Protein backbone atom coordinates (compact mmCIF):
# COMPACT_ATOMS: atom_id res chain seq x y z
CA THR A 1 44.84 194.00 -226.50
CA LYS A 2 44.15 197.61 -227.41
CA GLU A 3 42.00 196.52 -230.36
CA TYR A 4 40.35 193.31 -229.19
CA GLN A 5 38.35 192.34 -226.13
CA VAL A 6 38.98 188.62 -226.71
CA VAL A 7 42.20 187.00 -227.95
CA ILE A 8 42.41 183.27 -228.71
CA PHE A 9 45.59 181.15 -228.70
CA LYS A 10 45.65 177.82 -230.56
CA HIS A 11 48.33 175.15 -230.87
CA CYS A 12 48.85 172.67 -233.69
CA PHE A 13 49.50 169.01 -232.94
CA PRO A 14 53.34 169.20 -233.01
CA VAL A 15 53.03 170.84 -229.57
CA SER A 16 52.46 167.32 -228.26
CA ASN A 17 55.99 166.21 -229.21
CA ILE A 18 57.18 166.75 -225.64
CA ASN A 19 60.66 165.39 -224.97
CA ALA A 20 62.09 164.09 -221.70
CA ASP A 21 63.35 166.82 -219.38
CA ARG A 22 66.99 167.80 -219.41
CA ASP A 23 69.08 168.66 -216.35
CA SER A 24 67.48 172.07 -215.96
CA ALA A 25 64.56 174.02 -217.39
CA ASP A 26 65.17 177.04 -219.57
CA ILE A 27 62.39 179.50 -220.32
CA GLU A 28 64.25 180.71 -223.42
CA SER A 29 64.69 177.23 -224.89
CA ASP A 30 62.76 176.05 -227.94
CA PHE A 31 63.40 172.43 -226.84
CA LYS A 32 60.01 170.98 -225.94
CA THR A 33 60.02 169.55 -222.40
CA LEU A 34 57.53 169.58 -219.56
CA SER A 35 59.80 171.81 -217.50
CA ASN A 36 60.36 174.31 -220.30
CA TYR A 37 56.67 174.39 -221.22
CA LYS A 38 55.66 174.98 -217.61
CA LEU A 39 58.08 177.89 -217.20
CA GLN A 40 56.89 179.38 -220.48
CA TYR A 41 53.22 178.98 -219.55
CA LEU A 42 53.76 180.56 -216.13
CA ALA A 43 55.41 183.54 -217.82
CA LEU A 44 52.58 183.69 -220.36
CA ARG A 45 49.99 183.72 -217.58
CA ASP A 46 51.82 186.52 -215.79
CA LYS A 47 51.94 188.53 -219.02
CA LEU A 48 48.26 187.99 -219.84
CA HIS A 49 47.30 189.11 -216.35
CA GLN A 50 48.79 192.51 -217.23
CA PHE A 51 45.80 193.04 -219.54
CA PRO A 52 42.78 192.62 -217.23
CA GLY A 53 40.46 194.29 -219.74
CA THR A 54 41.09 191.55 -222.31
CA LYS A 55 39.80 187.98 -222.11
CA PHE A 56 42.16 185.28 -223.36
CA ILE A 57 41.02 181.86 -224.49
CA ILE A 58 43.78 179.25 -224.60
CA PHE A 59 43.29 175.95 -226.43
CA THR A 60 44.94 172.98 -224.82
CA GLY A 61 47.25 171.49 -227.41
CA ALA A 62 46.09 169.14 -230.09
CA ALA A 63 46.78 165.44 -229.72
CA GLN A 64 48.25 163.11 -232.32
CA VAL A 65 47.14 159.73 -233.58
CA LYS A 66 49.06 156.78 -232.17
CA SER A 67 51.12 156.18 -235.32
CA ASN A 68 52.53 159.73 -235.27
CA VAL A 69 53.83 160.08 -231.70
CA SER A 70 55.72 157.86 -229.30
CA GLU A 71 53.97 156.63 -226.19
CA ASP A 72 56.33 158.53 -223.87
CA LYS A 73 55.72 161.82 -225.71
CA ALA A 74 51.97 161.19 -225.68
CA GLU A 75 52.10 160.51 -221.92
CA ARG A 76 54.01 163.75 -221.34
CA SER A 77 51.43 165.63 -223.41
CA ARG A 78 48.61 164.32 -221.25
CA GLU A 79 50.57 165.26 -218.14
CA PHE A 80 51.17 168.78 -219.42
CA PHE A 81 47.61 169.49 -220.51
CA ARG A 82 46.25 168.11 -217.24
CA TRP A 83 48.63 170.51 -215.47
CA VAL A 84 47.32 173.36 -217.63
CA THR A 85 43.69 172.63 -216.77
CA SER A 86 44.11 171.66 -213.11
CA GLU A 87 46.99 173.81 -211.82
CA TRP A 88 47.97 176.54 -214.28
CA ASP A 89 44.42 177.74 -214.87
CA ILE A 90 43.33 180.12 -212.13
CA ALA A 91 39.66 180.70 -211.38
CA ASP A 92 38.19 184.16 -211.84
CA ASP A 93 41.01 185.66 -213.90
CA ASN A 94 40.98 186.81 -217.53
CA ILE A 95 42.28 183.52 -218.97
CA TYR A 96 39.92 180.77 -220.06
CA ILE A 97 40.65 177.27 -221.32
CA TRP A 98 39.07 175.40 -224.20
CA ASP A 99 40.09 171.77 -223.73
CA LEU A 100 40.54 170.48 -227.28
CA TYR A 101 42.99 167.83 -226.03
CA ASN A 102 40.34 166.17 -223.86
CA LEU A 103 37.80 166.25 -226.69
CA GLN A 104 40.29 164.55 -229.00
CA THR A 105 41.53 161.91 -226.57
CA GLU A 106 38.56 161.31 -224.26
CA GLY A 107 41.01 160.56 -221.45
CA ASP A 108 43.42 158.48 -223.53
CA ILE A 109 46.87 159.68 -224.64
CA TYR A 110 46.22 159.63 -228.39
CA PHE A 111 43.87 161.43 -230.74
CA ARG A 112 41.10 158.89 -231.29
CA GLU A 113 41.49 157.45 -234.76
CA GLU A 114 37.75 157.64 -235.48
CA TYR A 115 38.04 161.44 -235.05
CA ALA A 116 41.10 161.81 -237.28
CA VAL A 117 41.37 162.06 -241.06
CA SER A 118 43.12 158.68 -240.99
CA PRO A 119 45.18 156.48 -238.66
CA ASN A 120 48.27 158.28 -240.02
CA ASP A 121 46.93 161.86 -240.14
CA SER A 122 46.42 163.80 -236.91
CA HIS A 123 44.10 166.36 -238.47
CA PRO A 124 40.45 166.16 -237.42
CA ASN A 125 37.93 164.62 -239.81
CA GLY A 126 34.77 166.47 -240.82
CA ASP A 127 32.49 164.84 -238.25
CA PHE A 128 34.80 165.60 -235.34
CA ALA A 129 35.52 169.12 -236.60
CA SER A 130 31.79 169.82 -236.89
CA ARG A 131 31.15 168.68 -233.32
CA ALA A 132 34.20 170.45 -231.93
CA VAL A 133 33.50 173.80 -233.59
CA LYS A 134 30.04 173.91 -231.98
CA LEU A 135 31.64 173.33 -228.59
CA LEU A 136 34.28 175.97 -229.28
CA PHE A 137 31.62 178.52 -230.20
CA ASN A 138 29.68 177.61 -227.04
CA ARG A 139 32.81 178.28 -225.01
CA ILE A 140 33.67 181.56 -226.76
CA ILE A 141 30.14 182.93 -226.37
CA ASP A 142 30.01 181.85 -222.75
CA VAL A 143 33.37 183.47 -221.99
CA ILE A 144 32.17 186.71 -223.56
CA GLU A 145 28.73 186.74 -221.96
CA ASN A 146 29.22 184.88 -218.66
CA ASN A 147 32.96 184.73 -217.93
CA GLY A 148 32.90 181.03 -218.81
CA GLN A 149 30.52 180.12 -215.99
CA LYS A 150 27.93 178.24 -218.07
CA THR A 151 30.14 175.84 -220.03
CA THR A 152 32.71 173.22 -219.16
CA LEU A 153 36.30 173.52 -220.40
CA THR A 154 35.25 171.51 -223.46
CA GLY A 155 32.39 173.90 -224.23
CA GLU A 156 29.53 171.71 -223.11
CA LYS A 157 26.70 173.44 -221.29
CA SER A 158 27.15 173.02 -217.53
């Protein structure tokens, strides 16, 4: 934060392997559950707020194609990333969202196969990557120039 005015956080698709909750949440745990993720994200938000002179752009996590993730894990992923965009994200702070998850799923729980390398590979294909990178750049530029006021969370012009 001393060197950069903008810091970007990105997840890879294994972030969407969210397990069922255990008896209690543990912020220190590396076991992926909704409860643990929420505690960790709340702590992350508190930490990032300590650097008001730096803008942070957080990608929602990447989705997986249907063949690579169970339905219950995919459902929990959608629940978590909806929580991130609708509850965790606070207006008018120094944290901005780029909603990759919504671009990949279009409201479903799986990465759309026509956007993936193959039905068994959760990496984006060239066409999707080309479209998504334009939206990401829109979002980054808008965050820098306008505090994210002129684009949606997916980077489309508002």
